[in-house]
Each structure stands twice: as C-alpha cells, then as structure tokens.
Amino acid sequence: MTEFSETPGIPEAPEARIGVDTWVAEAEERRARAGGPLALLARGVEAMPPAVRMLVFLAVASTLPFWLNEGDLFSYGLFTLLYATLALGLNVVVGFAGLLDLGYVAFYGIGAYTYALLSSNHYGIHWPALATLPIAMAAAGLVGLALGFSARRLLGDYLAIVTLFFLQAFVAFSNTANPTVAGKGLTGGPNGIANLDPLKFFGYELTSTEQQYFFLLIVFALAATALFFANQSRTGRAWRALREDPLAAEAMSMPVNRLKILAFVIGAATAGLCGAIFAAIEQATVAGNFTVAVLITIYAIVILGGLGSIAGVVLGAIVINVSFQFLAPQSGHPEVKRWLFYGTLVLLVALMKPWYRGAVVLLGTVAFGFAAHAFVAAIAPASWTSGTAVDAGSASTAKAIADWVIIPEGHSSFNTYAYIALVAAIVALRSLKGWWRTAGLIPTLYLTAVVWENVLAPNPAVTALILFGAMLIALMTVRPQGLLGTARVEIV
C-alpha cells in the first residue's frame, strides 16, 4: 500500500486582541510608524499629560500682552481665545456627542443680546457682569434645552436642517422682527443695541485689551478644564458611544435622548457665555455678528483641530484666526498672502509619492516658467511682460516674480483667458495617469501662479477666502482626522 505523508500542521494564527480584527488591532502601530511633521506633532502633543498641555498653553498665552501691541493683541490674542472658547461648546455637541448642530451660533447671539438688555442704557438696567454672565448662560441653556428636547429624535441631515432653520429664525427675529417691548424695540433691529456696560466685577471695570484678554484666558482655562473632566466621566463615555453608534448605545440601555439634550444644553450655555463676553468687549451687539459665516468659522476650528479633541480646538483656533487676520484685505502684511499661496502649492506637491515625482514637478515648474517668460518676451511686445507683482513686499521679490510669471500690462482680456485655461488644464489633468499626469502638472501649476498674480492677488477680498479654503484642503489631505484628532478605523 502506498503510504501517505503526514498531514501538514495548521499554521499558527497571528496573535490578535480578543474580539478585535487584526487589521484594526494594528491600526495604532501603523499610525506610530507614519511619518510627517504633522503626525509627529500630533503624537508629541498626545504624549503630554493633559495638565501639562494646559500649563504650557497658559504659560505661553500669558506672555502675549508683553510683546504684542494693543491692536495685535485684540486681533490675534483676544479673538483666538474667544473662538477657542466658543469652539469648546460646539465640540461638546459635534465632537463628543456627534450631533450635527447648525444652529449653534444662535446661542452665541442669545447670550450677547441677554447681556445687552441687562447691562446697557437700552432699558436703563445696569446689572454688573457678575450677575449678567450667569443669566446669559442660563438663557442660552434654556433655549438649548427646548431645541434639544424638540429635536431629540432627529439625526444627521434632519437634525442639521432643523437647527439651521433655528439659526435663520434667530437672525430674522433679531434683525427684522424687533418686537416692541416697554416702548422700545427688543433687539434694536439692524442697528442693534449700543453703549453696553463694560465687564465689571466688584466695582472694578475691565476696560483695557490686556484686562479683557486675561479675563478671557481664565474663562477659557476653566471651561476647558470642566469639559475635560466631563469627557472623562461616565457621561463623556456615553457621549462617545452615542457618537459612534446611536442604535448600539440605545440597545445597551443608555439614555440616548437625555444625552443629546444634555449636550445641547452644555454647548448652548458655553456659547451664551461667549456671546455675553463678546458683547461686553465690543460694547455693542448687532445681528450681523451671528450669521452662517461665524458658524462656518467655528466648525472649521473644530474639524481642523480634530473632533473631540480639546487641545485640537486650541490649535485649530490659532491656525484659523491667525490665517484670517493675515489674509484679511486690511491686513498690514499683504505679502504674507503670497507666501501662504506658494507654500500651499509646495506642500501639496511634497505630498506626492514617490518623493522624486514631487522634486521633478517643482524643478520642472520653475524651469517651465522661465522658459515661457523668455519665449513670450522674445516674440511679443514688451507690454506682455512689463507688469509688476502686487503687494510683493521687497523690490527684489517683485522683480523675481515678474521675471518668472507672465504679468502683462494693459491686456485686461488676458486674465479671463488665463483663468479659462487653468480650469481646462485641471479638467484635462484628471484624465491623465502616471508620468503623463506628472508632466501635465507642471504647466498646470505654472498657470495657477499666473492666475494668482494677475487675477487673485489684485483682489484681496476674494483671494483671502479662496486661499483659506486651499490651505484647509491641503491640511485635511495630510490629516483627514484633523491636526490632533484620532483616526477612526472602520470595517464594512
């Protein structure tokens, strides 16, 4: 008889965590091996204990009034803290509980109008801030309770539609309706309410920017600490379960509806406090300060920093507000827009893999630009290359740009054709693959620079928004989960 060989042994299964897929179990290892400066920054911040992070931030933030002038402290310091505190409240609703609340800014406005009614000449009520601030928080929290209770069964897009309608209703009420109460318009209509009392505690008024800054720094530290402990509690863990899977959380006997309402109330109260402080600092409140544009800014801070991350909220507020201030048309640093623009292009090219493709694209774009400029200068009249770069800073920088980018003078139709050519190049680039795409990217990037110098740079109001969006896209391409957020691993 033929003897059969021994049956081969069953190979050992790779070691995995019980109840966890192997690929999911190795996700942390893969993130640890991932390179890049943003990943290293995120891991460095995550490795620090939360108390140390807070102390380092407070230590650095406390030095700003000593090396920034009053105007810069107001723009870069005060508003960064205000946006960070406001984003903390939104982070509770969106980041902790996973609820898409698009009416958040309305609570910000409710807090501001509450302060305006109780601490101004409007009705002759001059309550001190020590009494008005808690009332503003309570008023916004009660409205949040009502909204949360009425929308507790809604999720996703349905919740977003209801809350966005609430925001628009608030703007219409404060800006147009303006009901008459005690002989005066309750909200002041489009003109709002002016001559508000400054922040005053025990007879001491906070009138200077430095005083207001340190007060807001204390408020932020207290709010961040309270929300950190809330996130670490049983309620915080229940919020995270609600965010990941509401049905599973409800099946595990968690009070899903109460958790939603609680998140709405805490977020609304935080926004109401920020609105009251903002109104006291501005000493006026108008409906134009509580629009969808502000909502987009606060959402950008939370998403960029990382959903559910308190440290990410701080970093997101710094990036967003400082970028906005630099990109503003009235900024005292117009040349920064150009550095941010070209820096964003270089960052996007540097993300190409393998790395030598990015090097080929950068060097090829520089060479292509000089060749195109020399060709146009040789065959066309001098007016086609005699233009100058707008807000280039130094004369040497302006000359270097004018020698590389084609900037005509007196040919207004060129801008339209350049813009159309850029759109066509981007569309064509999408259909190319491999090295053909790499080669096509070189003239496309050069066309982008041409459009920037001829169309976007001379129009700073539009350029600021476009460039800001491009920066966000670049950053979110590198870190889809946000700067300090945790990447989610899902199995379908």
Protein backbone atom coordinates (compact mmCIF):
# COMPACT_ATOMS: atom_id res chain seq x y z
CA MET A 1 0.00 0.00 0.00
CA THR A 2 1.05 3.47 -0.66
CA GLU A 3 1.95 5.35 2.49
CA PHE A 4 0.57 8.84 2.67
CA SER A 5 2.72 11.59 4.06
CA GLU A 6 1.78 13.18 7.32
CA THR A 7 -0.88 15.83 7.19
CA PRO A 8 0.80 19.25 7.30
CA GLY A 9 0.23 21.16 10.52
CA ILE A 10 -2.16 24.07 10.66
CA PRO A 11 -0.22 27.34 10.58
CA GLU A 12 -0.38 29.40 13.71
CA ALA A 13 -2.79 32.30 13.53
CA PRO A 14 -1.31 35.73 14.10
CA GLU A 15 -1.73 36.99 17.60
CA ALA A 16 -4.65 39.42 17.86
CA ARG A 17 -6.71 41.07 20.53
CA ILE A 18 -9.75 39.11 21.58
CA GLY A 19 -12.85 40.44 19.85
CA VAL A 20 -10.87 42.83 17.63
CA ASP A 21 -9.98 42.37 13.99
CA THR A 22 -6.22 42.02 13.42
CA TRP A 23 -6.10 44.93 10.99
CA VAL A 24 -7.93 47.13 13.49
CA ALA A 25 -5.65 45.98 16.32
CA GLU A 26 -2.60 47.05 14.31
CA ALA A 27 -4.00 50.50 13.48
CA GLU A 28 -2.15 52.17 16.34
CA GLU A 29 1.13 50.59 15.19
CA ARG A 30 0.65 51.85 11.66
CA ARG A 31 -0.09 55.35 12.91
CA ALA A 32 3.03 55.22 15.05
CA ARG A 33 5.11 54.29 12.01
CA ALA A 34 3.59 57.06 9.90
CA GLY A 35 5.96 59.93 9.27
CA GLY A 36 5.46 63.58 8.51
CA PRO A 37 5.75 66.68 10.68
CA LEU A 38 2.03 66.90 11.41
CA ALA A 39 1.92 63.28 12.57
CA LEU A 40 4.98 63.83 14.77
CA LEU A 41 3.40 66.98 16.24
CA ALA A 42 0.16 65.12 16.97
CA ARG A 43 1.97 62.24 18.67
CA GLY A 44 4.08 64.66 20.70
CA VAL A 45 1.02 66.53 21.95
CA GLU A 46 -0.83 63.28 22.69
CA ALA A 47 2.12 62.02 24.74
CA MET A 48 1.93 65.02 27.08
CA PRO A 49 -0.37 64.72 30.10
CA PRO A 50 -3.46 66.98 29.77
CA ALA A 51 -2.43 69.09 32.77
CA VAL A 52 0.97 69.75 31.22
CA ARG A 53 -0.63 70.77 27.92
CA MET A 54 -2.85 73.26 29.70
CA LEU A 55 0.00 74.70 31.76
CA VAL A 56 2.23 75.09 28.70
CA PHE A 57 -0.54 76.83 26.79
CA LEU A 58 -1.37 79.17 29.67
CA ALA A 59 2.31 80.00 30.18
CA VAL A 60 2.80 80.90 26.53
CA ALA A 61 -0.54 82.70 26.19
CA SER A 62 0.16 84.79 29.30
CA THR A 63 3.19 86.36 27.62
CA LEU A 64 1.32 87.76 24.59
CA PRO A 65 0.37 91.12 26.18
CA PHE A 66 4.07 91.80 26.85
CA TRP A 67 5.27 91.54 23.23
CA LEU A 68 2.16 92.39 21.16
CA ASN A 69 0.78 95.89 20.78
CA GLU A 70 -2.84 96.53 21.74
CA GLY A 71 -4.19 96.19 18.19
CA ASP A 72 -2.44 92.89 17.51
CA LEU A 73 -3.39 91.57 20.95
CA PHE A 74 -7.03 92.32 20.18
CA SER A 75 -6.94 90.70 16.73
CA TYR A 76 -4.62 87.75 17.28
CA GLY A 77 -4.91 87.10 21.01
CA LEU A 78 -8.37 88.11 22.19
CA PHE A 79 -10.30 86.72 19.24
CA THR A 80 -8.30 83.50 19.21
CA LEU A 81 -9.32 82.87 22.82
CA LEU A 82 -12.92 83.83 22.06
CA TYR A 83 -13.10 81.45 19.10
CA ALA A 84 -11.39 78.69 21.10
CA THR A 85 -13.89 79.01 23.96
CA LEU A 86 -16.77 79.13 21.51
CA ALA A 87 -15.43 76.04 19.74
CA LEU A 88 -15.25 74.19 23.07
CA GLY A 89 -19.03 74.34 23.32
CA LEU A 90 -19.50 73.19 19.73
CA ASN A 91 -17.02 70.39 20.37
CA VAL A 92 -19.34 69.04 23.07
CA VAL A 93 -22.25 68.79 20.63
CA VAL A 94 -20.37 67.72 17.49
CA GLY A 95 -17.14 66.19 18.78
CA PHE A 96 -18.30 64.43 21.96
CA ALA A 97 -21.91 63.54 21.13
CA GLY A 98 -21.70 63.51 17.31
CA LEU A 99 -24.75 65.76 16.75
CA LEU A 100 -24.74 67.96 13.63
CA ASP A 101 -25.91 71.24 15.17
CA LEU A 102 -26.03 74.07 12.60
CA GLY A 103 -27.85 76.47 14.90
CA TYR A 104 -25.03 76.82 17.40
CA VAL A 105 -24.28 80.48 16.64
CA ALA A 106 -27.85 81.42 17.62
CA PHE A 107 -26.99 80.58 21.25
CA TYR A 108 -23.95 82.83 20.88
CA GLY A 109 -26.31 85.63 19.85
CA ILE A 110 -28.79 84.89 22.65
CA GLY A 111 -26.02 85.37 25.19
CA ALA A 112 -24.96 88.64 23.57
CA TYR A 113 -28.49 90.08 23.46
CA THR A 114 -29.15 88.97 27.05
CA TYR A 115 -26.13 90.94 28.20
CA ALA A 116 -27.18 93.89 26.04
CA LEU A 117 -30.66 94.01 27.59
CA LEU A 118 -29.49 93.69 31.20
CA SER A 119 -26.32 95.80 31.13
CA SER A 120 -26.91 98.86 28.97
CA ASN A 121 -28.91 102.05 28.57
CA HIS A 122 -31.42 100.27 26.35
CA TYR A 123 -33.86 99.69 29.22
CA GLY A 124 -31.83 101.51 31.84
CA ILE A 125 -30.76 98.24 33.50
CA HIS A 126 -27.14 98.22 34.56
CA TRP A 127 -26.57 94.90 36.27
CA PRO A 128 -22.91 94.02 36.83
CA ALA A 129 -21.30 91.32 34.74
CA LEU A 130 -21.12 89.05 37.79
CA ALA A 131 -24.91 88.77 37.60
CA THR A 132 -25.44 89.13 33.85
CA LEU A 133 -23.00 86.47 32.66
CA PRO A 134 -24.67 83.58 34.55
CA ILE A 135 -28.08 84.80 33.37
CA ALA A 136 -26.83 84.84 29.76
CA MET A 137 -25.56 81.28 30.18
CA ALA A 138 -28.89 80.20 31.70
CA ALA A 139 -30.93 81.90 28.95
CA ALA A 140 -28.94 80.22 26.17
CA GLY A 141 -29.01 76.91 28.05
CA LEU A 142 -32.79 77.02 28.41
CA VAL A 143 -33.23 77.68 24.69
CA GLY A 144 -30.80 74.83 24.03
CA LEU A 145 -32.91 72.62 26.29
CA ALA A 146 -36.04 73.48 24.29
CA LEU A 147 -34.31 72.87 20.96
CA GLY A 148 -32.69 69.66 22.14
CA PHE A 149 -35.97 68.34 23.53
CA SER A 150 -37.87 69.07 20.31
CA ALA A 151 -35.14 67.58 18.09
CA ARG A 152 -34.07 64.71 20.32
CA ARG A 153 -35.33 62.05 17.89
CA LEU A 154 -33.57 63.54 14.86
CA LEU A 155 -30.19 62.51 13.49
CA GLY A 156 -27.86 63.54 10.70
CA ASP A 157 -29.29 65.68 7.92
CA TYR A 158 -32.68 66.04 9.59
CA LEU A 159 -31.12 67.49 12.74
CA ALA A 160 -28.93 69.79 10.62
CA ILE A 161 -31.97 71.17 8.75
CA VAL A 162 -33.93 71.84 11.93
CA THR A 163 -31.03 73.57 13.72
CA LEU A 164 -30.12 75.63 10.63
CA PHE A 165 -33.73 76.81 10.45
CA PHE A 166 -33.44 77.80 14.11
CA LEU A 167 -30.35 79.92 13.33
CA GLN A 168 -32.04 81.65 10.42
CA ALA A 169 -35.15 82.27 12.54
CA PHE A 170 -32.98 83.89 15.22
CA VAL A 171 -31.24 86.14 12.67
CA ALA A 172 -34.60 87.18 11.19
CA PHE A 173 -36.07 87.82 14.64
CA SER A 174 -33.16 89.95 15.85
CA ASN A 175 -32.58 91.81 12.58
CA THR A 176 -36.08 92.27 11.13
CA ALA A 177 -38.84 91.46 13.61
CA ASN A 178 -37.58 93.60 16.51
CA PRO A 179 -40.81 93.42 18.57
CA THR A 180 -41.65 96.42 20.72
CA VAL A 181 -41.31 95.79 24.45
CA ALA A 182 -41.73 98.57 27.04
CA GLY A 183 -41.78 101.17 24.27
CA LYS A 184 -38.53 100.07 22.61
CA GLY A 185 -37.50 97.52 20.04
CA LEU A 186 -36.32 94.44 21.88
CA THR A 187 -33.28 93.79 19.68
CA GLY A 188 -32.74 97.21 18.10
CA GLY A 189 -33.29 95.89 14.57
CA PRO A 190 -30.43 96.25 12.06
CA ASN A 191 -28.74 98.85 14.29
CA GLY A 192 -28.60 96.50 17.25
CA ILE A 193 -28.01 97.73 20.78
CA ALA A 194 -25.11 100.07 21.54
CA ASN A 195 -23.45 101.61 24.60
CA LEU A 196 -23.22 98.40 26.59
CA ASP A 197 -21.59 98.40 30.01
CA PRO A 198 -18.02 97.03 30.16
CA LEU A 199 -17.19 93.94 32.18
CA LYS A 200 -17.34 94.95 35.83
CA PHE A 201 -16.61 92.83 38.91
CA PHE A 202 -16.90 94.16 42.47
CA GLY A 203 -16.65 97.73 41.19
CA TYR A 204 -13.57 97.05 39.03
CA GLU A 205 -14.05 97.59 35.28
CA LEU A 206 -12.13 95.68 32.62
CA THR A 207 -11.67 98.39 30.03
CA SER A 208 -8.24 97.72 28.52
CA THR A 209 -7.49 94.98 25.99
CA GLU A 210 -4.94 93.42 28.35
CA GLN A 211 -7.50 93.13 31.16
CA GLN A 212 -10.11 91.63 28.85
CA TYR A 213 -7.54 89.22 27.43
CA PHE A 214 -6.51 87.85 30.83
CA PHE A 215 -10.16 87.54 31.89
CA LEU A 216 -10.98 85.57 28.75
CA LEU A 217 -7.88 83.41 29.29
CA ILE A 218 -9.18 82.49 32.76
CA VAL A 219 -12.63 81.73 31.35
CA PHE A 220 -11.14 79.50 28.67
CA ALA A 221 -8.99 77.62 31.19
CA LEU A 222 -11.98 76.98 33.47
CA ALA A 223 -14.23 75.90 30.58
CA ALA A 224 -11.58 73.59 29.09
CA THR A 225 -10.87 72.00 32.47
CA ALA A 226 -14.56 71.43 33.20
CA LEU A 227 -15.19 69.90 29.77
CA PHE A 228 -12.11 67.70 30.08
CA PHE A 229 -13.40 66.16 33.31
CA ALA A 230 -16.87 65.85 31.77
CA ASN A 231 -15.39 63.99 28.81
CA GLN A 232 -13.54 61.60 31.14
CA SER A 233 -16.66 60.84 33.17
CA ARG A 234 -19.33 58.23 32.57
CA THR A 235 -21.33 60.86 30.70
CA GLY A 236 -18.38 61.52 28.39
CA ARG A 237 -18.01 57.83 27.63
CA ALA A 238 -21.74 57.65 26.93
CA TRP A 239 -21.44 60.64 24.58
CA ARG A 240 -18.70 58.86 22.65
CA ALA A 241 -20.83 55.73 22.40
CA LEU A 242 -23.70 57.88 21.12
CA ARG A 243 -21.39 59.45 18.54
CA GLU A 244 -20.11 56.12 17.24
CA ASP A 245 -23.44 54.29 17.02
CA PRO A 246 -26.71 55.69 18.46
CA LEU A 247 -28.60 52.43 17.90
CA ALA A 248 -25.98 50.35 19.68
CA ALA A 249 -25.87 52.86 22.54
CA GLU A 250 -29.64 52.68 22.92
CA ALA A 251 -29.51 48.87 22.78
CA MET A 252 -27.04 48.99 25.67
CA SER A 253 -29.72 50.82 27.71
CA MET A 254 -28.03 54.23 27.54
CA PRO A 255 -30.44 57.20 27.87
CA VAL A 256 -29.77 58.43 24.34
CA ASN A 257 -32.34 61.23 24.34
CA ARG A 258 -31.16 62.63 27.67
CA LEU A 259 -27.54 62.52 26.47
CA LYS A 260 -28.48 64.54 23.37
CA ILE A 261 -30.37 67.13 25.39
CA LEU A 262 -27.50 67.43 27.89
CA ALA A 263 -25.00 68.02 25.07
CA PHE A 264 -27.26 70.70 23.59
CA VAL A 265 -27.62 72.45 26.96
CA ILE A 266 -23.89 72.46 27.79
CA GLY A 267 -22.94 73.63 24.30
CA ALA A 268 -25.60 76.34 24.32
CA ALA A 269 -24.58 77.60 27.77
CA THR A 270 -20.93 77.83 26.67
CA ALA A 271 -21.94 79.75 23.56
CA GLY A 272 -24.14 82.07 25.63
CA LEU A 273 -21.23 82.88 27.93
CA CYS A 274 -19.01 83.67 24.93
CA GLY A 275 -21.74 85.86 23.42
CA ALA A 276 -22.11 87.88 26.61
CA ILE A 277 -18.35 88.41 26.89
CA PHE A 278 -18.13 89.36 23.22
CA ALA A 279 -20.93 91.91 23.61
CA ALA A 280 -19.24 93.43 26.67
CA ILE A 281 -15.91 93.71 24.87
CA GLU A 282 -17.46 95.26 21.74
CA GLN A 283 -19.87 97.32 23.89
CA ALA A 284 -22.48 96.71 21.18
CA THR A 285 -24.37 93.85 19.60
CA VAL A 286 -25.89 93.55 16.12
CA ALA A 287 -27.46 90.62 14.27
CA GLY A 288 -24.67 90.67 11.66
CA ASN A 289 -22.27 89.18 14.22
CA PHE A 290 -24.23 85.91 14.44
CA THR A 291 -24.52 84.66 10.88
CA VAL A 292 -23.64 81.48 8.99
CA ALA A 293 -20.15 82.88 8.29
CA VAL A 294 -19.35 82.74 12.02
CA LEU A 295 -20.80 79.22 12.17
CA ILE A 296 -18.51 78.09 9.34
CA THR A 297 -15.51 79.56 11.13
CA ILE A 298 -16.25 77.73 14.39
CA TYR A 299 -16.92 74.47 12.55
CA ALA A 300 -13.62 74.87 10.69
CA ILE A 301 -11.83 75.24 14.03
CA VAL A 302 -13.37 72.07 15.46
CA ILE A 303 -12.87 69.97 12.33
CA LEU A 304 -9.34 71.21 11.66
CA GLY A 305 -8.26 70.65 15.26
CA GLY A 306 -9.90 67.22 15.45
CA LEU A 307 -13.38 66.22 16.57
CA GLY A 308 -13.48 65.54 20.29
CA SER A 309 -10.01 66.96 20.99
CA ILE A 310 -9.78 69.87 23.43
CA ALA A 311 -6.13 70.54 22.55
CA GLY A 312 -7.12 70.40 18.89
CA VAL A 313 -9.67 73.16 19.47
CA VAL A 314 -6.88 75.43 20.74
CA LEU A 315 -4.60 74.64 17.80
CA GLY A 316 -7.47 74.99 15.32
CA ALA A 317 -8.43 78.39 16.74
CA ILE A 318 -4.85 79.61 16.44
CA VAL A 319 -4.49 78.43 12.84
CA ILE A 320 -7.89 79.71 11.72
CA ASN A 321 -7.85 83.12 13.39
CA VAL A 322 -4.22 83.94 12.61
CA SER A 323 -4.75 82.89 8.98
CA PHE A 324 -7.90 85.01 8.73
CA GLN A 325 -6.13 88.05 10.17
CA PHE A 326 -3.19 87.69 7.78
CA LEU A 327 -5.46 87.13 4.79
CA ALA A 328 -7.83 89.99 5.57
CA PRO A 329 -7.81 92.77 2.93
CA GLN A 330 -6.95 95.37 5.57
CA SER A 331 -4.05 93.30 6.91
CA GLY A 332 -0.80 95.14 7.49
CA HIS A 333 1.11 92.19 5.98
CA PRO A 334 -0.20 91.84 2.40
CA GLU A 335 2.88 89.92 1.25
CA VAL A 336 2.00 87.06 3.61
CA LYS A 337 -0.83 86.03 1.27
CA ARG A 338 1.71 85.25 -1.44
CA TRP A 339 3.91 83.18 0.87
CA LEU A 340 0.88 81.24 2.07
CA PHE A 341 -0.26 80.64 -1.50
CA TYR A 342 3.05 79.33 -2.79
CA GLY A 343 3.65 77.46 0.46
CA THR A 344 0.34 75.63 -0.01
CA LEU A 345 1.32 74.64 -3.55
CA VAL A 346 4.70 73.34 -2.38
CA LEU A 347 3.01 71.38 0.43
CA LEU A 348 0.61 69.72 -2.00
CA VAL A 349 3.44 68.79 -4.36
CA ALA A 350 5.55 67.49 -1.46
CA LEU A 351 2.76 65.01 -0.65
CA MET A 352 3.29 63.24 -3.97
CA LYS A 353 4.64 59.70 -3.77
CA PRO A 354 7.30 58.66 -4.54
CA TRP A 355 9.17 61.75 -3.41
CA TYR A 356 11.16 62.20 -6.60
CA ARG A 357 7.95 62.90 -8.54
CA GLY A 358 7.40 65.95 -6.38
CA ALA A 359 11.01 67.06 -6.95
CA VAL A 360 10.57 66.67 -10.72
CA VAL A 361 7.35 68.73 -10.62
CA LEU A 362 8.88 71.57 -8.55
CA LEU A 363 12.05 71.84 -10.62
CA GLY A 364 10.10 71.42 -13.86
CA THR A 365 7.64 74.18 -12.91
CA VAL A 366 10.46 76.63 -12.16
CA ALA A 367 12.21 75.81 -15.45
CA PHE A 368 8.95 75.91 -17.42
CA GLY A 369 8.16 79.36 -16.02
CA PHE A 370 11.46 80.91 -17.04
CA ALA A 371 11.23 79.31 -20.48
CA ALA A 372 7.65 80.53 -21.02
CA HIS A 373 8.56 84.05 -19.86
CA ALA A 374 11.60 84.18 -22.17
CA PHE A 375 9.57 82.87 -25.11
CA VAL A 376 6.81 85.48 -24.67
CA ALA A 377 9.37 88.26 -24.21
CA ALA A 378 11.09 87.24 -27.46
CA ILE A 379 8.04 87.08 -29.75
CA ALA A 380 5.55 89.56 -28.20
CA PRO A 381 5.61 93.30 -27.49
CA ALA A 382 7.20 94.41 -24.22
CA SER A 383 3.80 95.21 -22.69
CA TRP A 384 3.12 91.46 -22.35
CA THR A 385 5.87 91.07 -19.75
CA SER A 386 6.11 94.57 -18.26
CA GLY A 387 3.58 94.14 -15.44
CA THR A 388 4.54 94.16 -11.76
CA ALA A 389 3.57 91.88 -8.90
CA VAL A 390 1.04 93.35 -6.46
CA ASP A 391 1.98 93.51 -2.75
CA ALA A 392 5.19 91.54 -3.27
CA GLY A 393 6.97 93.12 -0.31
CA SER A 394 10.53 93.93 -1.33
CA ALA A 395 11.60 95.16 -4.76
CA SER A 396 13.81 92.11 -5.30
CA THR A 397 10.88 89.76 -4.66
CA ALA A 398 8.68 91.72 -7.07
CA LYS A 399 11.36 91.55 -9.77
CA ALA A 400 11.93 87.82 -9.26
CA ILE A 401 8.21 87.15 -9.65
CA ALA A 402 7.91 89.42 -12.72
CA ASP A 403 10.87 87.61 -14.35
CA TRP A 404 9.21 84.20 -13.82
CA VAL A 405 5.46 84.77 -14.15
CA ILE A 406 3.95 86.39 -17.23
CA ILE A 407 2.27 89.59 -15.96
CA PRO A 408 1.11 91.75 -18.89
CA GLU A 409 0.23 95.42 -18.63
CA GLY A 410 -2.78 96.84 -20.43
CA HIS A 411 -4.17 93.50 -21.63
CA SER A 412 -7.26 93.02 -19.44
CA SER A 413 -8.62 90.14 -21.54
CA PHE A 414 -5.56 88.07 -20.66
CA ASN A 415 -6.91 87.47 -17.15
CA THR A 416 -10.08 85.85 -18.49
CA TYR A 417 -8.22 83.59 -20.92
CA ALA A 418 -5.71 82.57 -18.24
CA TYR A 419 -8.49 81.63 -15.86
CA ILE A 420 -10.28 79.57 -18.54
CA ALA A 421 -7.02 77.87 -19.46
CA LEU A 422 -6.40 76.94 -15.82
CA VAL A 423 -9.85 75.37 -15.48
CA ALA A 424 -9.34 73.42 -18.72
CA ALA A 425 -5.89 72.25 -17.57
CA ILE A 426 -7.28 70.99 -14.27
CA VAL A 427 -10.07 69.09 -16.04
CA ALA A 428 -7.59 67.56 -18.51
CA LEU A 429 -5.21 66.64 -15.71
CA ARG A 430 -7.87 64.48 -14.07
CA SER A 431 -7.92 62.19 -17.11
CA LEU A 432 -4.16 61.58 -17.14
CA LYS A 433 -2.34 58.79 -15.32
CA GLY A 434 1.20 58.02 -14.20
CA TRP A 435 4.03 60.10 -15.59
CA TRP A 436 1.66 61.80 -18.04
CA ARG A 437 -0.12 63.33 -15.07
CA THR A 438 3.22 64.33 -13.55
CA ALA A 439 4.20 66.06 -16.79
CA GLY A 440 0.80 67.75 -17.09
CA LEU A 441 1.02 69.03 -13.53
CA ILE A 442 3.99 71.27 -14.43
CA PRO A 443 2.14 73.66 -16.81
CA THR A 444 -0.95 73.45 -14.59
CA LEU A 445 0.98 74.72 -11.57
CA TYR A 446 2.52 77.48 -13.66
CA LEU A 447 -0.94 78.52 -14.88
CA THR A 448 -2.04 78.59 -11.25
CA ALA A 449 0.77 81.04 -10.46
CA VAL A 450 -0.17 83.16 -13.49
CA VAL A 451 -3.81 83.33 -12.39
CA TRP A 452 -2.74 84.19 -8.85
CA GLU A 453 -0.52 87.09 -9.89
CA ASN A 454 -2.95 88.51 -12.46
CA VAL A 455 -6.39 87.75 -11.04
CA LEU A 456 -6.34 86.79 -7.37
CA ALA A 457 -3.58 88.92 -5.82
CA PRO A 458 -5.11 92.23 -7.04
CA ASN A 459 -8.48 91.24 -5.45
CA PRO A 460 -7.65 90.52 -1.78
CA ALA A 461 -11.24 90.16 -0.52
CA VAL A 462 -11.98 87.18 -2.78
CA THR A 463 -8.43 85.86 -2.63
CA ALA A 464 -8.48 85.52 1.15
CA LEU A 465 -11.41 83.10 1.08
CA ILE A 466 -10.02 81.07 -1.84
CA LEU A 467 -6.58 80.79 -0.29
CA PHE A 468 -8.03 79.90 3.09
CA GLY A 469 -10.05 77.11 1.51
CA ALA A 470 -6.95 75.82 -0.31
CA MET A 471 -5.00 75.77 2.96
CA LEU A 472 -7.75 73.79 4.67
CA ILE A 473 -7.83 71.29 1.81
CA ALA A 474 -4.06 70.85 2.00
CA LEU A 475 -4.06 70.34 5.76
CA MET A 476 -7.02 67.98 5.72
CA THR A 477 -5.35 65.98 2.95
CA VAL A 478 -2.41 65.38 5.26
CA ARG A 479 -4.54 64.73 8.36
CA PRO A 480 -8.15 63.81 7.46
CA GLN A 481 -8.96 63.34 11.16
CA GLY A 482 -7.75 66.87 11.99
CA LEU A 483 -4.46 68.07 13.43
CA LEU A 484 -4.88 66.41 16.82
CA GLY A 485 -7.84 64.14 16.17
CA THR A 486 -7.75 60.35 16.34
CA ALA A 487 -8.13 58.45 13.09
CA ARG A 488 -11.21 56.24 13.01
CA VAL A 489 -10.84 52.67 11.75
CA GLU A 490 -13.99 51.08 10.39
CA ILE A 491 -14.80 47.68 8.91
CA VAL A 492 -17.55 47.45 6.36
